[in-house]
Structure formats: C-alpha cells, structure tokens
Amino acid sequence: MPVSFPTLKTGAVAQYPSDRAVQVSAQVFRFLDGSEQRFLALGSPLHKWNIQLDLLDEAELNALEEFFASREGRSGSFTFTDPWDGTVYQNCSFDNDVFAARLRGSGQGGTQVVIRENR
C-alpha cells in the first residue's frame, strides 16, 4: 500500500501562496538557415509543486517532519494529490534532503517543501 503525503486538519495538503510547474523536455535543432525543428524528448510532462505551509500547530508540523524523516528526504517516494485538480500522482518525492521548520508560537508553525513527480 503506497504512503500518501499527510493532509492538514483542514483536509488540505497545501496553503496559499503555493504554486506548481509542469516540465516538458524538448530537443531543439537549429539549422544554418536559422530555422528550428523541435520534438518532445520525454514521454510525458513532469510536475513539481512548491508547497507553502503556514499557521500550522505543533501536531501538524511534527507530522510533516516525521513523514519527511520516514521518506528519508529525496530517497523515498509517496503518493501526492495535486491540490489544484485532485489528480493523484503515485510516484513523488521531496526535492530536498533538509526539512526546515519554523515555530513562532502556538499555532504559528510553518515550512516550505518542494515535491517532484518521478519518472
């Protein structure tokens, strides 16, 4: 059974201002006459999410940190539900090996993680 990215108490996986990007790899051949020919190099686009999480309580922040540690940073994989369209991506991982958490007071914890889809 695949492990899923944890949800917050609200049921969301992200807060604003988060963003996402789609990476499409293309080969470009430039000819002597200045014209170009392009073709798709990868079979399908890869997705990347920059997840901003603020105003977390200590339990939510600890759950995220434990999940990060259990996945061993970039090494582990998990499923992730895209917060924009609800699509579930089965093979995702963190884009960093360091989990940086901020805790300013009760209910004022935060972090930022980058999640990438794997091929």
Foldseek 3Di string as FASTA:
>chain_A
DFAEQDAAPVRHNADPPKDKDKDWDKDWDADPVGDIDIDTDDPGIKMKIKGKDWLAFPVVVVVNVVVCVVQQAQNRFGWYQPRPPRDIQGGKGWPDRDWDKDDDDGSTIITITMMIHDD
